[in-house]
Amino acid sequence: MKEAALGIYVRQSDDERGPEGRWLGAAVARQEYACQWLVAALGGVAVRVYDDNARSASLPGVRRPAYEELLADLAAGVIDGFVFAHADRVARRASDAARVCALYEEQPRLVGRSVEGGVDLSRSSGRSLFLRQALDGGTEADATARRQRAANLHRALTGQAHIGAIAWGWDKEGRLQYPAAALLRHGIEAAVSGACVREIRADWSHHGVTGRTGKPVARKTVLLRLINPRNAGYRIYASARCFLAVDA
């Protein structure tokens, strides 16, 4: 009997960067390891890992290329199914979870199993469980974000550093991170001297700087890093109702 060709989907919203600014990927590596065991237990063979590291599944407007490719491959019969660590790794929004369930309703022969949570997408009860777990994960993410926004606003109003996106060239403790910090400083000095963003981007790419997906850093990303207020010694708190700049 032919072995089932299975995909593995991994995702983590928050990841740490290494010294050169690349994502370390420890969380998705753990997910993949667990999924490989499940694939073996199911008697299948893993043919591709669909990796959406450092991408949110709960924030609207965030595109997940690997998730889209996974659904396309399932629909086209490129793979016989996929496995995943938990439902909230695949979806945290009702619309995304519904797309997965609709696909399995049309093709119940497909394999769709989770390492944790007991989900089997080939069964109607498994799809219902998948929806609940995905939405529970989204609710949890929303609550965590709401509490973090409140804490950030309080710290910003009292002049304290707040937890937010880590600026490129710094670590979580606010210390310079090399060689990224040196490249950023050189890029800023080059821009002041008249260099264009294209030239700075080429220099960074030459030194191995990449974007979130591991591809060459985009022009827009270079520009945003060069003009980040953190470079001038400011930390920024911004929301729909409040914008503050405080000394770092």
C-alpha atoms as a PDB file:
ATOM      1  CA  MET A   1       0.000   0.000   0.000  1.00  0.00           C
ATOM      2  CA  LYS A   2       1.295   3.438  -0.939  1.00  0.00           C
ATOM      3  CA  GLU A   3       2.433   5.604   1.945  1.00  0.00           C
ATOM      4  CA  ALA A   4       0.422   8.784   2.443  1.00  0.00           C
ATOM      5  CA  ALA A   5       2.357  11.881   1.388  1.00  0.00           C
ATOM      6  CA  LEU A   6       1.768  14.282   4.252  1.00  0.00           C
ATOM      7  CA  GLY A   7       2.601  17.886   4.896  1.00  0.00           C
ATOM      8  CA  ILE A   8       3.578  19.374   8.257  1.00  0.00           C
ATOM      9  CA  TYR A   9       2.346  22.833   9.221  1.00  0.00           C
ATOM     10  CA  VAL A  10       4.237  24.849  11.845  1.00  0.00           C
ATOM     11  CA  ARG A  11       3.726  28.394  13.055  1.00  0.00           C
ATOM     12  CA  GLN A  12       4.789  30.642  15.903  1.00  0.00           C
ATOM     13  CA  SER A  13       3.836  34.305  16.304  1.00  0.00           C
ATOM     14  CA  ASP A  14       6.771  35.417  18.438  1.00  0.00           C
ATOM     15  CA  ASP A  15      10.312  34.331  17.765  1.00  0.00           C
ATOM     16  CA  GLU A  16      13.746  35.546  18.821  1.00  0.00           C
ATOM     17  CA  ARG A  17      16.429  36.754  16.446  1.00  0.00           C
ATOM     18  CA  GLY A  18      19.995  35.565  16.394  1.00  0.00           C
ATOM     19  CA  PRO A  19      23.080  37.820  16.244  1.00  0.00           C
ATOM     20  CA  GLU A  20      22.679  38.404  12.489  1.00  0.00           C
ATOM     21  CA  GLY A  21      18.985  39.256  12.738  1.00  0.00           C
ATOM     22  CA  ARG A  22      17.726  35.866  11.553  1.00  0.00           C
ATOM     23  CA  TRP A  23      14.824  34.139  13.303  1.00  0.00           C
ATOM     24  CA  LEU A  24      16.071  31.340  15.558  1.00  0.00           C
ATOM     25  CA  GLY A  25      12.994  29.166  14.986  1.00  0.00           C
ATOM     26  CA  ALA A  26      13.265  27.040  18.151  1.00  0.00           C
ATOM     27  CA  ALA A  27       9.486  26.822  18.651  1.00  0.00           C
ATOM     28  CA  VAL A  28       8.680  25.737  15.095  1.00  0.00           C
ATOM     29  CA  ALA A  29      11.557  23.241  15.244  1.00  0.00           C
ATOM     30  CA  ARG A  30       9.936  21.630  18.303  1.00  0.00           C
ATOM     31  CA  GLN A  31       6.591  21.521  16.518  1.00  0.00           C
ATOM     32  CA  GLU A  32       8.140  19.898  13.459  1.00  0.00           C
ATOM     33  CA  TYR A  33       9.888  17.281  15.581  1.00  0.00           C
ATOM     34  CA  ALA A  34       6.609  16.278  17.262  1.00  0.00           C
ATOM     35  CA  CYS A  35       4.796  16.234  13.922  1.00  0.00           C
ATOM     36  CA  GLN A  36       7.438  13.980  12.374  1.00  0.00           C
ATOM     37  CA  TRP A  37       6.698  11.405  15.073  1.00  0.00           C
ATOM     38  CA  LEU A  38       2.977  11.631  14.346  1.00  0.00           C
ATOM     39  CA  VAL A  39       3.557  11.194  10.607  1.00  0.00           C
ATOM     40  CA  ALA A  40       5.550   8.030  11.317  1.00  0.00           C
ATOM     41  CA  ALA A  41       2.842   6.738  13.667  1.00  0.00           C
ATOM     42  CA  LEU A  42       0.251   7.268  10.927  1.00  0.00           C
ATOM     43  CA  GLY A  43       2.368   5.249   8.488  1.00  0.00           C
ATOM     44  CA  GLY A  44       2.919   8.219   6.192  1.00  0.00           C
ATOM     45  CA  VAL A  45       5.904  10.116   4.890  1.00  0.00           C
ATOM     46  CA  ALA A  46       6.516  13.841   5.401  1.00  0.00           C
ATOM     47  CA  VAL A  47       7.071  15.437   1.991  1.00  0.00           C
ATOM     48  CA  ARG A  48       7.037  19.122   2.935  1.00  0.00           C
ATOM     49  CA  VAL A  49       7.103  21.425   5.951  1.00  0.00           C
ATOM     50  CA  TYR A  50       4.854  24.479   5.606  1.00  0.00           C
ATOM     51  CA  ASP A  51       6.551  27.036   7.839  1.00  0.00           C
ATOM     52  CA  ASP A  52       4.897  30.321   8.873  1.00  0.00           C
ATOM     53  CA  ASN A  53       7.376  31.232  11.578  1.00  0.00           C
ATOM     54  CA  ALA A  54       7.034  34.721  13.121  1.00  0.00           C
ATOM     55  CA  ARG A  55       3.561  35.222  11.616  1.00  0.00           C
ATOM     56  CA  SER A  56       0.405  35.864  13.596  1.00  0.00           C
ATOM     57  CA  ALA A  57      -2.760  33.871  12.938  1.00  0.00           C
ATOM     58  CA  SER A  58      -4.955  36.187  15.012  1.00  0.00           C
ATOM     59  CA  LEU A  59      -4.138  39.657  13.659  1.00  0.00           C
ATOM     60  CA  PRO A  60      -6.238  40.717  10.653  1.00  0.00           C
ATOM     61  CA  GLY A  61      -4.374  41.529   7.468  1.00  0.00           C
ATOM     62  CA  VAL A  62      -1.376  39.280   8.184  1.00  0.00           C
ATOM     63  CA  ARG A  63      -0.701  37.087   5.157  1.00  0.00           C
ATOM     64  CA  ARG A  64       0.600  33.587   5.812  1.00  0.00           C
ATOM     65  CA  PRO A  65       2.155  32.278   2.594  1.00  0.00           C
ATOM     66  CA  ALA A  66       2.742  28.748   3.878  1.00  0.00           C
ATOM     67  CA  TYR A  67      -0.873  28.441   5.080  1.00  0.00           C
ATOM     68  CA  GLU A  68      -2.156  29.483   1.650  1.00  0.00           C
ATOM     69  CA  GLU A  69       0.198  27.051  -0.082  1.00  0.00           C
ATOM     70  CA  LEU A  70      -0.921  24.260   2.254  1.00  0.00           C
ATOM     71  CA  LEU A  71      -4.600  24.743   1.399  1.00  0.00           C
ATOM     72  CA  ALA A  72      -3.807  24.959  -2.313  1.00  0.00           C
ATOM     73  CA  ASP A  73      -1.785  21.720  -2.196  1.00  0.00           C
ATOM     74  CA  LEU A  74      -4.519  19.918  -0.259  1.00  0.00           C
ATOM     75  CA  ALA A  75      -7.182  21.043  -2.741  1.00  0.00           C
ATOM     76  CA  ALA A  76      -5.052  20.056  -5.746  1.00  0.00           C
ATOM     77  CA  GLY A  77      -4.129  16.646  -4.358  1.00  0.00           C
ATOM     78  CA  VAL A  78      -0.422  17.419  -4.180  1.00  0.00           C
ATOM     79  CA  ILE A  79      -0.406  15.975  -0.645  1.00  0.00           C
ATOM     80  CA  ASP A  80      -2.693  13.441   1.027  1.00  0.00           C
ATOM     81  CA  GLY A  81      -3.177  15.522   4.166  1.00  0.00           C
ATOM     82  CA  PHE A  82      -1.212  17.268   6.873  1.00  0.00           C
ATOM     83  CA  VAL A  83      -0.419  17.124  10.566  1.00  0.00           C
ATOM     84  CA  PHE A  84       0.020  19.961  13.036  1.00  0.00           C
ATOM     85  CA  ALA A  85       0.919  20.484  16.677  1.00  0.00           C
ATOM     86  CA  HIS A  86      -2.416  22.011  17.733  1.00  0.00           C
ATOM     87  CA  ALA A  87      -5.407  23.641  16.065  1.00  0.00           C
ATOM     88  CA  ASP A  88      -4.360  27.126  17.202  1.00  0.00           C
ATOM     89  CA  ARG A  89      -1.104  26.751  15.249  1.00  0.00           C
ATOM     90  CA  VAL A  90      -3.152  26.469  12.039  1.00  0.00           C
ATOM     91  CA  ALA A  91      -5.931  28.984  12.706  1.00  0.00           C
ATOM     92  CA  ARG A  92      -7.052  31.473  15.325  1.00  0.00           C
ATOM     93  CA  ARG A  93      -9.722  33.230  13.299  1.00  0.00           C
ATOM     94  CA  ALA A  94     -13.119  31.772  12.425  1.00  0.00           C
ATOM     95  CA  SER A  95     -12.669  32.505   8.717  1.00  0.00           C
ATOM     96  CA  ASP A  96      -9.341  30.635   8.531  1.00  0.00           C
ATOM     97  CA  ALA A  97     -10.623  27.663  10.524  1.00  0.00           C
ATOM     98  CA  ALA A  98     -13.722  27.476   8.332  1.00  0.00           C
ATOM     99  CA  ARG A  99     -11.605  27.270   5.161  1.00  0.00           C
ATOM    100  CA  VAL A 100      -9.807  24.227   6.524  1.00  0.00           C
ATOM    101  CA  CYS A 101     -13.033  22.541   7.621  1.00  0.00           C
ATOM    102  CA  ALA A 102     -14.752  23.225   4.287  1.00  0.00           C
ATOM    103  CA  LEU A 103     -11.886  21.588   2.425  1.00  0.00           C
ATOM    104  CA  TYR A 104     -12.092  18.459   4.591  1.00  0.00           C
ATOM    105  CA  GLU A 105     -15.874  18.301   4.256  1.00  0.00           C
ATOM    106  CA  GLU A 106     -15.394  18.094   0.491  1.00  0.00           C
ATOM    107  CA  GLN A 107     -12.487  15.624   0.718  1.00  0.00           C
ATOM    108  CA  PRO A 108     -12.884  13.508   3.885  1.00  0.00           C
ATOM    109  CA  ARG A 109     -10.284  11.034   2.565  1.00  0.00           C
ATOM    110  CA  LEU A 110      -7.579  13.547   3.433  1.00  0.00           C
ATOM    111  CA  VAL A 111      -5.535  13.045   6.588  1.00  0.00           C
ATOM    112  CA  GLY A 112      -5.716  15.885   9.101  1.00  0.00           C
ATOM    113  CA  ARG A 113      -4.403  15.120  12.568  1.00  0.00           C
ATOM    114  CA  SER A 114      -3.049  17.095  15.523  1.00  0.00           C
ATOM    115  CA  VAL A 115      -0.276  16.094  17.919  1.00  0.00           C
ATOM    116  CA  GLU A 116      -2.203  17.642  20.823  1.00  0.00           C
ATOM    117  CA  GLY A 117      -5.931  18.159  21.204  1.00  0.00           C
ATOM    118  CA  GLY A 118      -7.208  14.974  19.571  1.00  0.00           C
ATOM    119  CA  VAL A 119      -8.277  16.581  16.268  1.00  0.00           C
ATOM    120  CA  ASP A 120      -9.112  14.381  13.283  1.00  0.00           C
ATOM    121  CA  LEU A 121     -10.284  16.602  10.427  1.00  0.00           C
ATOM    122  CA  SER A 122     -11.652  13.662   8.444  1.00  0.00           C
ATOM    123  CA  ARG A 123     -14.504  13.377  10.972  1.00  0.00           C
ATOM    124  CA  SER A 124     -17.289  15.911  11.548  1.00  0.00           C
ATOM    125  CA  SER A 125     -16.704  15.728  15.303  1.00  0.00           C
ATOM    126  CA  GLY A 126     -13.003  16.414  14.672  1.00  0.00           C
ATOM    127  CA  ARG A 127     -13.806  19.468  12.580  1.00  0.00           C
ATOM    128  CA  SER A 128     -16.072  20.807  15.318  1.00  0.00           C
ATOM    129  CA  LEU A 129     -13.273  20.285  17.833  1.00  0.00           C
ATOM    130  CA  PHE A 130     -10.809  22.010  15.491  1.00  0.00           C
ATOM    131  CA  LEU A 131     -13.101  25.066  15.243  1.00  0.00           C
ATOM    132  CA  ARG A 132     -13.504  25.311  19.018  1.00  0.00           C
ATOM    133  CA  GLN A 133      -9.800  24.981  19.709  1.00  0.00           C
ATOM    134  CA  ALA A 134      -8.891  27.509  17.016  1.00  0.00           C
ATOM    135  CA  LEU A 135     -11.395  30.068  18.327  1.00  0.00           C
ATOM    136  CA  ASP A 136     -10.310  29.473  21.919  1.00  0.00           C
ATOM    137  CA  GLY A 137      -6.757  30.219  20.839  1.00  0.00           C
ATOM    138  CA  GLY A 138      -7.894  33.435  19.147  1.00  0.00           C
ATOM    139  CA  THR A 139      -9.800  34.523  22.257  1.00  0.00           C
ATOM    140  CA  GLU A 140      -6.752  33.862  24.400  1.00  0.00           C
ATOM    141  CA  ALA A 141      -4.534  35.861  22.028  1.00  0.00           C
ATOM    142  CA  ASP A 142      -6.963  38.808  22.066  1.00  0.00           C
ATOM    143  CA  ALA A 143      -7.095  38.827  25.861  1.00  0.00           C
ATOM    144  CA  THR A 144      -3.305  38.686  26.139  1.00  0.00           C
ATOM    145  CA  ALA A 145      -2.914  41.537  23.636  1.00  0.00           C
ATOM    146  CA  ARG A 146      -5.491  43.643  25.496  1.00  0.00           C
ATOM    147  CA  ARG A 147      -3.684  43.217  28.812  1.00  0.00           C
ATOM    148  CA  GLN A 148      -0.326  43.969  27.190  1.00  0.00           C
ATOM    149  CA  ARG A 149      -1.672  47.171  25.586  1.00  0.00           C
ATOM    150  CA  ALA A 150      -2.960  48.366  28.954  1.00  0.00           C
ATOM    151  CA  ALA A 151       0.376  47.597  30.622  1.00  0.00           C
ATOM    152  CA  ASN A 152       2.321  49.311  27.810  1.00  0.00           C
ATOM    153  CA  LEU A 153       0.192  52.450  28.041  1.00  0.00           C
ATOM    154  CA  HIS A 154       0.678  52.666  31.812  1.00  0.00           C
ATOM    155  CA  ARG A 155       4.447  52.238  31.490  1.00  0.00           C
ATOM    156  CA  ALA A 156       4.658  54.795  28.668  1.00  0.00           C
ATOM    157  CA  LEU A 157       2.637  57.378  30.648  1.00  0.00           C
ATOM    158  CA  THR A 158       4.979  56.935  33.616  1.00  0.00           C
ATOM    159  CA  GLY A 159       8.099  57.252  31.444  1.00  0.00           C
ATOM    160  CA  GLN A 160       9.122  53.616  31.656  1.00  0.00           C
ATOM    161  CA  ALA A 161      10.252  51.349  28.854  1.00  0.00           C
ATOM    162  CA  HIS A 162       7.424  49.159  27.613  1.00  0.00           C
ATOM    163  CA  ILE A 163       7.343  45.775  25.932  1.00  0.00           C
ATOM    164  CA  GLY A 164       6.780  45.988  22.208  1.00  0.00           C
ATOM    165  CA  ALA A 165       8.333  45.020  18.925  1.00  0.00           C
ATOM    166  CA  ILE A 166      12.105  44.723  19.307  1.00  0.00           C
ATOM    167  CA  ALA A 167      13.867  47.235  17.086  1.00  0.00           C
ATOM    168  CA  TRP A 168      16.402  45.763  14.694  1.00  0.00           C
ATOM    169  CA  GLY A 169      19.896  46.158  16.112  1.00  0.00           C
ATOM    170  CA  TRP A 170      18.762  45.771  19.750  1.00  0.00           C
ATOM    171  CA  ASP A 171      17.917  42.790  21.942  1.00  0.00           C
ATOM    172  CA  LYS A 172      15.017  42.379  24.401  1.00  0.00           C
ATOM    173  CA  GLU A 173      16.960  44.135  27.173  1.00  0.00           C
ATOM    174  CA  GLY A 174      17.621  47.202  25.005  1.00  0.00           C
ATOM    175  CA  ARG A 175      21.291  46.379  24.424  1.00  0.00           C
ATOM    176  CA  LEU A 176      22.971  46.743  21.050  1.00  0.00           C
ATOM    177  CA  GLN A 177      23.086  43.520  19.078  1.00  0.00           C
ATOM    178  CA  TYR A 178      26.030  42.941  16.741  1.00  0.00           C
ATOM    179  CA  PRO A 179      26.641  42.756  13.817  1.00  0.00           C
ATOM    180  CA  ALA A 180      23.142  44.153  13.155  1.00  0.00           C
ATOM    181  CA  ALA A 181      23.835  47.302  15.200  1.00  0.00           C
ATOM    182  CA  ALA A 182      27.049  48.014  13.292  1.00  0.00           C
ATOM    183  CA  LEU A 183      25.294  47.584   9.943  1.00  0.00           C
ATOM    184  CA  LEU A 184      22.460  49.853  11.067  1.00  0.00           C
ATOM    185  CA  ARG A 185      24.885  52.558  12.215  1.00  0.00           C
ATOM    186  CA  HIS A 186      26.803  52.327   8.947  1.00  0.00           C
ATOM    187  CA  GLY A 187      23.538  52.513   7.001  1.00  0.00           C
ATOM    188  CA  ILE A 188      22.386  55.635   8.857  1.00  0.00           C
ATOM    189  CA  GLU A 189      25.756  57.333   8.330  1.00  0.00           C
ATOM    190  CA  ALA A 190      25.654  56.383   4.640  1.00  0.00           C
ATOM    191  CA  ALA A 191      22.143  57.830   4.285  1.00  0.00           C
ATOM    192  CA  VAL A 192      23.267  61.102   5.890  1.00  0.00           C
ATOM    193  CA  SER A 193      26.146  61.206   3.396  1.00  0.00           C
ATOM    194  CA  GLY A 194      23.742  60.872   0.487  1.00  0.00           C
ATOM    195  CA  ALA A 195      23.511  57.125  -0.128  1.00  0.00           C
ATOM    196  CA  CYS A 196      20.144  55.884  -1.370  1.00  0.00           C
ATOM    197  CA  VAL A 197      18.121  53.102   0.227  1.00  0.00           C
ATOM    198  CA  ARG A 198      18.931  50.799  -2.686  1.00  0.00           C
ATOM    199  CA  GLU A 199      22.668  51.058  -1.968  1.00  0.00           C
ATOM    200  CA  ILE A 200      22.200  50.434   1.756  1.00  0.00           C
ATOM    201  CA  ARG A 201      19.948  47.466   1.001  1.00  0.00           C
ATOM    202  CA  ALA A 202      22.591  46.007  -1.308  1.00  0.00           C
ATOM    203  CA  ASP A 203      25.236  46.365   1.427  1.00  0.00           C
ATOM    204  CA  TRP A 204      23.030  44.687   4.029  1.00  0.00           C
ATOM    205  CA  SER A 205      22.140  41.866   1.648  1.00  0.00           C
ATOM    206  CA  HIS A 206      25.855  41.371   0.972  1.00  0.00           C
ATOM    207  CA  HIS A 207      26.331  40.878   4.725  1.00  0.00           C
ATOM    208  CA  GLY A 208      23.528  38.299   4.914  1.00  0.00           C
ATOM    209  CA  VAL A 209      20.711  40.466   6.284  1.00  0.00           C
ATOM    210  CA  THR A 210      17.327  38.952   5.453  1.00  0.00           C
ATOM    211  CA  GLY A 211      13.670  39.706   6.059  1.00  0.00           C
ATOM    212  CA  ARG A 212      11.195  37.698   8.118  1.00  0.00           C
ATOM    213  CA  THR A 213      10.887  34.903   5.584  1.00  0.00           C
ATOM    214  CA  GLY A 214      14.623  34.462   5.111  1.00  0.00           C
ATOM    215  CA  LYS A 215      14.578  36.169   1.723  1.00  0.00           C
ATOM    216  CA  PRO A 216      16.699  39.282   0.949  1.00  0.00           C
ATOM    217  CA  VAL A 217      15.588  42.235   3.018  1.00  0.00           C
ATOM    218  CA  ALA A 218      12.980  44.401   1.271  1.00  0.00           C
ATOM    219  CA  ARG A 219      13.544  48.073   0.427  1.00  0.00           C
ATOM    220  CA  LYS A 220      10.632  49.151   2.640  1.00  0.00           C
ATOM    221  CA  THR A 221      12.064  47.198   5.573  1.00  0.00           C
ATOM    222  CA  VAL A 222      15.448  48.888   5.163  1.00  0.00           C
ATOM    223  CA  LEU A 223      13.803  52.317   5.097  1.00  0.00           C
ATOM    224  CA  LEU A 224      11.735  51.639   8.231  1.00  0.00           C
ATOM    225  CA  ARG A 225      14.815  50.418  10.085  1.00  0.00           C
ATOM    226  CA  LEU A 226      16.778  53.514   9.118  1.00  0.00           C
ATOM    227  CA  ILE A 227      14.093  55.956  10.329  1.00  0.00           C
ATOM    228  CA  ASN A 228      13.054  54.062  13.472  1.00  0.00           C
ATOM    229  CA  PRO A 229      12.718  56.641  16.325  1.00  0.00           C
ATOM    230  CA  ARG A 230      14.652  54.201  18.528  1.00  0.00           C
ATOM    231  CA  ASN A 231      17.764  55.203  16.557  1.00  0.00           C
ATOM    232  CA  ALA A 232      17.437  58.711  17.998  1.00  0.00           C
ATOM    233  CA  GLY A 233      17.013  57.484  21.565  1.00  0.00           C
ATOM    234  CA  TYR A 234      13.207  57.364  21.672  1.00  0.00           C
ATOM    235  CA  ARG A 235      10.777  54.604  22.411  1.00  0.00           C
ATOM    236  CA  ILE A 236       7.397  54.955  20.770  1.00  0.00           C
ATOM    237  CA  TYR A 237       4.021  53.962  22.156  1.00  0.00           C
ATOM    238  CA  ALA A 238       1.309  54.099  19.521  1.00  0.00           C
ATOM    239  CA  SER A 239      -2.315  53.003  19.470  1.00  0.00           C
ATOM    240  CA  ALA A 240      -5.516  54.102  17.767  1.00  0.00           C
ATOM    241  CA  ARG A 241      -6.165  56.546  20.600  1.00  0.00           C
ATOM    242  CA  CYS A 242      -2.729  57.502  21.818  1.00  0.00           C
ATOM    243  CA  PHE A 243       0.722  58.329  20.435  1.00  0.00           C
ATOM    244  CA  LEU A 244       3.603  59.042  22.770  1.00  0.00           C
ATOM    245  CA  ALA A 245       7.348  59.434  22.385  1.00  0.00           C
ATOM    246  CA  VAL A 246       9.475  59.077  25.529  1.00  0.00           C
ATOM    247  CA  ASP A 247      13.202  59.228  26.115  1.00  0.00           C
ATOM    248  CA  ALA A 248      14.741  55.762  26.090  1.00  0.00           C
END
